[in-house]
Amino acid sequence: MAGSETRVPEYSTYVPSGHTCTRCKQGIKQLEPARRIRIIGRVEGTGPLVEYEHLRCPNL
């Protein structure tokens, strides 16, 4: 039900290594500031309930 999902920016944080930015699809480096995005309306088990984005994507 992707149409009923809402992305809510929560706060800036440092992300554990291995996460990918949902906007630019590039890896987020360890100790690189990122924005935590909570997904409201996503059914558990159909994808992550939390995503991360660069504060400023390197190539956008």
N, C-alpha and C. Protein backbone atom coordinates (compact mmCIF):
# COMPACT_ATOMS: atom_id res chain seq x y z
N MET A 1 0.83 -1.19 0.00
CA MET A 1 0.00 0.00 0.00
C MET A 1 0.87 1.25 0.00
N ALA A 2 1.71 1.39 -0.96
CA ALA A 2 2.64 2.52 -1.01
C ALA A 2 1.90 3.85 -1.06
N GLY A 3 0.69 3.89 -1.61
CA GLY A 3 -0.05 5.13 -1.73
C GLY A 3 -0.47 5.72 -0.40
N SER A 4 -0.56 4.91 0.64
CA SER A 4 -1.00 5.40 1.94
C SER A 4 0.16 5.66 2.90
N GLU A 5 1.39 5.56 2.40
CA GLU A 5 2.56 5.80 3.25
C GLU A 5 2.88 7.28 3.33
N THR A 6 3.32 7.72 4.50
CA THR A 6 3.75 9.09 4.71
C THR A 6 5.16 9.07 5.26
N ARG A 7 6.04 9.88 4.67
CA ARG A 7 7.43 9.97 5.13
C ARG A 7 7.55 11.18 6.05
N VAL A 8 7.95 10.96 7.30
CA VAL A 8 8.04 12.02 8.30
C VAL A 8 9.49 12.18 8.75
N PRO A 9 10.14 13.31 8.37
CA PRO A 9 11.50 13.55 8.87
C PRO A 9 11.46 13.72 10.38
N GLU A 10 12.36 13.03 11.09
CA GLU A 10 12.35 13.10 12.55
C GLU A 10 13.48 13.96 13.10
N TYR A 11 14.72 13.59 12.82
CA TYR A 11 15.85 14.33 13.38
C TYR A 11 17.12 13.94 12.64
N SER A 12 18.17 14.72 12.85
CA SER A 12 19.47 14.41 12.27
C SER A 12 20.23 13.51 13.24
N THR A 13 21.00 12.59 12.67
CA THR A 13 21.71 11.62 13.50
C THR A 13 22.92 11.09 12.73
N TYR A 14 23.68 10.24 13.35
CA TYR A 14 24.75 9.51 12.69
C TYR A 14 24.27 8.08 12.49
N VAL A 15 24.44 7.57 11.30
CA VAL A 15 23.88 6.27 10.92
C VAL A 15 24.95 5.19 10.99
N PRO A 16 24.61 4.01 11.48
CA PRO A 16 25.56 2.90 11.41
C PRO A 16 25.92 2.60 9.96
N SER A 17 27.11 2.14 9.71
CA SER A 17 27.52 1.86 8.33
C SER A 17 26.61 0.81 7.70
N GLY A 18 26.48 0.89 6.38
CA GLY A 18 25.67 -0.08 5.65
C GLY A 18 24.34 0.47 5.18
N HIS A 19 24.00 1.71 5.53
CA HIS A 19 22.73 2.29 5.09
C HIS A 19 22.92 3.08 3.80
N THR A 20 21.87 3.15 3.01
CA THR A 20 21.87 3.85 1.73
C THR A 20 20.87 4.99 1.78
N CYS A 21 21.23 6.13 1.23
CA CYS A 21 20.34 7.28 1.15
C CYS A 21 19.17 6.95 0.22
N THR A 22 17.94 7.22 0.66
CA THR A 22 16.78 6.90 -0.16
C THR A 22 16.58 7.90 -1.30
N ARG A 23 17.21 9.09 -1.22
CA ARG A 23 17.08 10.07 -2.31
C ARG A 23 18.08 9.82 -3.43
N CYS A 24 19.38 9.71 -3.09
CA CYS A 24 20.41 9.60 -4.13
C CYS A 24 20.90 8.17 -4.34
N LYS A 25 20.47 7.24 -3.49
CA LYS A 25 20.82 5.81 -3.59
C LYS A 25 22.30 5.53 -3.37
N GLN A 26 23.04 6.47 -2.77
CA GLN A 26 24.45 6.25 -2.44
C GLN A 26 24.58 5.88 -0.97
N GLY A 27 25.66 5.19 -0.65
CA GLY A 27 25.90 4.81 0.73
C GLY A 27 26.12 6.01 1.62
N ILE A 28 25.71 5.89 2.86
CA ILE A 28 25.96 6.92 3.86
C ILE A 28 27.15 6.44 4.69
N LYS A 29 28.20 7.26 4.73
CA LYS A 29 29.43 6.87 5.42
C LYS A 29 29.24 6.92 6.93
N GLN A 30 30.02 6.09 7.61
CA GLN A 30 29.99 6.11 9.07
C GLN A 30 30.41 7.49 9.57
N LEU A 31 29.74 8.01 10.55
CA LEU A 31 29.95 9.34 11.14
C LEU A 31 29.59 10.48 10.20
N GLU A 32 28.86 10.20 9.13
CA GLU A 32 28.34 11.25 8.25
C GLU A 32 26.93 11.61 8.73
N PRO A 33 26.66 12.89 8.98
CA PRO A 33 25.32 13.26 9.44
C PRO A 33 24.25 12.86 8.42
N ALA A 34 23.13 12.39 8.92
CA ALA A 34 22.02 11.98 8.05
C ALA A 34 20.71 12.31 8.75
N ARG A 35 19.65 12.33 7.96
CA ARG A 35 18.31 12.59 8.49
C ARG A 35 17.56 11.28 8.61
N ARG A 36 16.96 11.04 9.75
CA ARG A 36 16.14 9.83 9.98
C ARG A 36 14.72 10.13 9.51
N ILE A 37 14.19 9.24 8.70
CA ILE A 37 12.83 9.40 8.16
C ILE A 37 11.99 8.22 8.65
N ARG A 38 10.89 8.52 9.33
CA ARG A 38 9.98 7.46 9.77
C ARG A 38 8.90 7.30 8.71
N ILE A 39 8.56 6.06 8.39
CA ILE A 39 7.53 5.76 7.40
C ILE A 39 6.25 5.39 8.14
N ILE A 40 5.24 6.24 8.01
CA ILE A 40 3.95 5.99 8.65
C ILE A 40 3.03 5.33 7.62
N GLY A 41 2.38 4.27 8.00
CA GLY A 41 1.43 3.60 7.12
C GLY A 41 2.01 2.41 6.39
N ARG A 42 3.30 2.15 6.55
CA ARG A 42 3.91 0.98 5.91
C ARG A 42 3.66 -0.23 6.79
N VAL A 43 3.21 -1.29 6.18
CA VAL A 43 2.94 -2.52 6.91
C VAL A 43 4.26 -3.17 7.29
N GLU A 44 4.40 -3.53 8.55
CA GLU A 44 5.63 -4.16 9.02
C GLU A 44 5.88 -5.44 8.22
N GLY A 45 7.11 -5.61 7.78
CA GLY A 45 7.47 -6.78 6.98
C GLY A 45 7.48 -6.51 5.49
N THR A 46 7.00 -5.33 5.05
CA THR A 46 6.99 -5.01 3.62
C THR A 46 8.11 -4.05 3.25
N GLY A 47 8.92 -3.68 4.20
CA GLY A 47 10.03 -2.77 3.97
C GLY A 47 10.40 -2.12 5.28
N PRO A 48 11.48 -1.35 5.29
CA PRO A 48 11.90 -0.73 6.54
C PRO A 48 10.89 0.31 7.02
N LEU A 49 10.73 0.41 8.33
CA LEU A 49 9.85 1.42 8.90
C LEU A 49 10.59 2.73 9.14
N VAL A 50 11.93 2.68 9.00
CA VAL A 50 12.78 3.85 9.13
C VAL A 50 13.76 3.85 7.97
N GLU A 51 13.97 5.02 7.37
CA GLU A 51 14.95 5.18 6.29
C GLU A 51 15.86 6.34 6.67
N TYR A 52 16.96 6.48 5.94
CA TYR A 52 17.90 7.56 6.19
C TYR A 52 18.23 8.27 4.88
N GLU A 53 18.49 9.59 4.98
CA GLU A 53 18.89 10.40 3.82
C GLU A 53 20.06 11.27 4.23
N HIS A 54 20.93 11.57 3.25
CA HIS A 54 21.98 12.56 3.49
C HIS A 54 21.32 13.89 3.83
N LEU A 55 21.98 14.70 4.63
CA LEU A 55 21.49 16.06 4.84
C LEU A 55 21.62 16.85 3.54
N ARG A 56 22.71 16.59 2.83
CA ARG A 56 22.93 17.17 1.49
C ARG A 56 23.50 16.06 0.62
N CYS A 57 22.70 15.57 -0.31
CA CYS A 57 23.17 14.48 -1.18
C CYS A 57 24.35 14.97 -2.01
N PRO A 58 25.39 14.16 -2.12
CA PRO A 58 26.62 14.59 -2.80
C PRO A 58 26.45 14.92 -4.28
N ASN A 59 25.54 14.27 -4.98
CA ASN A 59 25.42 14.48 -6.43
C ASN A 59 24.08 15.05 -6.86
N LEU A 60 23.34 15.66 -5.95
CA LEU A 60 22.05 16.25 -6.33
C LEU A 60 22.09 17.75 -6.23
